Amino acid sequence: MGSNPIAGLFISSKKGGENKMKHKWIEHIVQAWDAFMEEMFSFVPEESKKHIKNARKEILLALKSVIEKRIEELEKGKKEIKKVKVEKS
């Protein structure tokens, strides 16, 4: 099955470089999800799996570009807003 990136979100470092799950139930959910996905894709042809993998990659790249654009906008800072007094006629 390999390492699940979701599980990595819940791992904390302890002294001595040991990694231990903070919550054992999360580890079980991750393992169940991996088993479920493995079973679901057991009937999918290899060619289809390749397309699914590439599609996942493209979605992640799209999200990455959205995030990078937002970071770029944040780094530019806020535009200065200038108040203009409007006289009524």
C-alpha atoms as a PDB file:
ATOM      1  CA  MET A   1       0.000   0.000   0.000  1.00  0.00           C
ATOM      2  CA  GLY A   2       2.766   2.459   0.789  1.00  0.00           C
ATOM      3  CA  SER A   3       2.750   5.556   2.898  1.00  0.00           C
ATOM      4  CA  ASN A   4      -0.478   7.527   3.026  1.00  0.00           C
ATOM      5  CA  PRO A   5       0.030  11.316   2.948  1.00  0.00           C
ATOM      6  CA  ILE A   6      -3.079  11.853   5.075  1.00  0.00           C
ATOM      7  CA  ALA A   7      -1.512   9.933   7.936  1.00  0.00           C
ATOM      8  CA  GLY A   8       1.475  12.283   7.790  1.00  0.00           C
ATOM      9  CA  LEU A   9      -0.741  15.166   8.855  1.00  0.00           C
ATOM     10  CA  PHE A  10      -1.312  13.542  12.220  1.00  0.00           C
ATOM     11  CA  ILE A  11       2.215  12.414  13.074  1.00  0.00           C
ATOM     12  CA  SER A  12       4.123  14.324  15.712  1.00  0.00           C
ATOM     13  CA  SER A  13       7.818  14.243  16.487  1.00  0.00           C
ATOM     14  CA  LYS A  14       8.979  13.160  19.909  1.00  0.00           C
ATOM     15  CA  LYS A  15      12.405  13.400  21.522  1.00  0.00           C
ATOM     16  CA  GLY A  16      14.835  10.936  20.030  1.00  0.00           C
ATOM     17  CA  GLY A  17      13.349  11.311  16.556  1.00  0.00           C
ATOM     18  CA  GLU A  18      10.527   8.851  17.208  1.00  0.00           C
ATOM     19  CA  ASN A  19       7.278   9.346  15.318  1.00  0.00           C
ATOM     20  CA  LYS A  20       4.069   8.189  16.907  1.00  0.00           C
ATOM     21  CA  MET A  21       0.449   8.634  15.980  1.00  0.00           C
ATOM     22  CA  LYS A  22      -1.287  11.119  18.242  1.00  0.00           C
ATOM     23  CA  HIS A  23      -4.596   9.372  17.739  1.00  0.00           C
ATOM     24  CA  LYS A  24      -4.654   5.641  17.009  1.00  0.00           C
ATOM     25  CA  TRP A  25      -8.167   5.842  15.505  1.00  0.00           C
ATOM     26  CA  ILE A  26      -6.860   8.059  12.693  1.00  0.00           C
ATOM     27  CA  GLU A  27      -4.339   5.373  11.762  1.00  0.00           C
ATOM     28  CA  HIS A  28      -7.170   2.833  11.578  1.00  0.00           C
ATOM     29  CA  ILE A  29      -9.300   5.103   9.400  1.00  0.00           C
ATOM     30  CA  VAL A  30      -6.379   5.668   7.034  1.00  0.00           C
ATOM     31  CA  GLN A  31      -5.725   1.928   6.799  1.00  0.00           C
ATOM     32  CA  ALA A  32      -9.418   1.258   6.161  1.00  0.00           C
ATOM     33  CA  TRP A  33      -9.498   3.934   3.448  1.00  0.00           C
ATOM     34  CA  ASP A  34      -6.411   2.469   1.774  1.00  0.00           C
ATOM     35  CA  ALA A  35      -7.934  -1.037   1.841  1.00  0.00           C
ATOM     36  CA  PHE A  36     -11.228   0.295   0.462  1.00  0.00           C
ATOM     37  CA  MET A  37      -9.525   2.144  -2.391  1.00  0.00           C
ATOM     38  CA  GLU A  38      -7.338  -0.854  -3.194  1.00  0.00           C
ATOM     39  CA  GLU A  39     -10.429  -3.069  -3.379  1.00  0.00           C
ATOM     40  CA  MET A  40     -12.394  -0.552  -5.467  1.00  0.00           C
ATOM     41  CA  PHE A  41      -9.613  -0.226  -8.018  1.00  0.00           C
ATOM     42  CA  SER A  42      -8.777  -3.930  -8.170  1.00  0.00           C
ATOM     43  CA  PHE A  43     -11.124  -4.330 -11.157  1.00  0.00           C
ATOM     44  CA  VAL A  44      -9.942  -1.192 -12.997  1.00  0.00           C
ATOM     45  CA  PRO A  45      -7.645  -1.884 -15.989  1.00  0.00           C
ATOM     46  CA  GLU A  46      -4.048  -0.674 -15.673  1.00  0.00           C
ATOM     47  CA  GLU A  47      -4.491   1.794 -18.557  1.00  0.00           C
ATOM     48  CA  SER A  48      -7.408   3.395 -16.704  1.00  0.00           C
ATOM     49  CA  LYS A  49      -5.386   3.590 -13.494  1.00  0.00           C
ATOM     50  CA  LYS A  50      -2.713   5.509 -15.404  1.00  0.00           C
ATOM     51  CA  HIS A  51      -5.295   8.032 -16.632  1.00  0.00           C
ATOM     52  CA  ILE A  52      -6.742   8.415 -13.129  1.00  0.00           C
ATOM     53  CA  LYS A  53      -3.270   9.021 -11.713  1.00  0.00           C
ATOM     54  CA  ASN A  54      -2.557  11.652 -14.372  1.00  0.00           C
ATOM     55  CA  ALA A  55      -5.918  13.327 -13.726  1.00  0.00           C
ATOM     56  CA  ARG A  56      -5.165  13.503  -9.991  1.00  0.00           C
ATOM     57  CA  LYS A  57      -1.823  15.074 -10.803  1.00  0.00           C
ATOM     58  CA  GLU A  58      -3.463  17.690 -13.041  1.00  0.00           C
ATOM     59  CA  ILE A  59      -5.985  18.566 -10.336  1.00  0.00           C
ATOM     60  CA  LEU A  60      -3.176  19.017  -7.830  1.00  0.00           C
ATOM     61  CA  LEU A  61      -1.245  21.190 -10.296  1.00  0.00           C
ATOM     62  CA  ALA A  62      -4.367  23.324 -10.820  1.00  0.00           C
ATOM     63  CA  LEU A  63      -4.770  23.761  -7.059  1.00  0.00           C
ATOM     64  CA  LYS A  64      -1.076  24.585  -6.776  1.00  0.00           C
ATOM     65  CA  SER A  65      -1.407  27.369  -9.350  1.00  0.00           C
ATOM     66  CA  VAL A  66      -4.453  28.816  -7.548  1.00  0.00           C
ATOM     67  CA  ILE A  67      -2.553  28.790  -4.241  1.00  0.00           C
ATOM     68  CA  GLU A  68       0.553  30.350  -5.798  1.00  0.00           C
ATOM     69  CA  LYS A  69      -1.561  33.105  -7.384  1.00  0.00           C
ATOM     70  CA  ARG A  70      -3.236  33.845  -4.050  1.00  0.00           C
ATOM     71  CA  ILE A  71       0.138  33.982  -2.278  1.00  0.00           C
ATOM     72  CA  GLU A  72       1.390  36.356  -4.961  1.00  0.00           C
ATOM     73  CA  GLU A  73      -1.612  38.621  -4.376  1.00  0.00           C
ATOM     74  CA  LEU A  74      -1.059  38.558  -0.608  1.00  0.00           C
ATOM     75  CA  GLU A  75       2.605  39.456  -1.002  1.00  0.00           C
ATOM     76  CA  LYS A  76       1.765  42.500  -3.112  1.00  0.00           C
ATOM     77  CA  GLY A  77      -0.013  43.929  -0.126  1.00  0.00           C
ATOM     78  CA  LYS A  78      -3.231  45.786   0.042  1.00  0.00           C
ATOM     79  CA  LYS A  79      -3.823  48.519  -2.457  1.00  0.00           C
ATOM     80  CA  GLU A  80      -4.036  51.932  -0.885  1.00  0.00           C
ATOM     81  CA  ILE A  81      -7.582  53.205  -0.805  1.00  0.00           C
ATOM     82  CA  LYS A  82      -7.945  56.923  -1.228  1.00  0.00           C
ATOM     83  CA  LYS A  83     -11.116  58.611  -0.026  1.00  0.00           C
ATOM     84  CA  VAL A  84     -12.541  61.179  -2.365  1.00  0.00           C
ATOM     85  CA  LYS A  85     -15.049  63.709  -1.196  1.00  0.00           C
ATOM     86  CA  VAL A  86     -17.938  64.083  -3.600  1.00  0.00           C
ATOM     87  CA  GLU A  87     -19.941  67.293  -3.533  1.00  0.00           C
ATOM     88  CA  LYS A  88     -23.643  67.171  -4.137  1.00  0.00           C
ATOM     89  CA  SER A  89     -24.951  69.492  -6.814  1.00  0.00           C
END
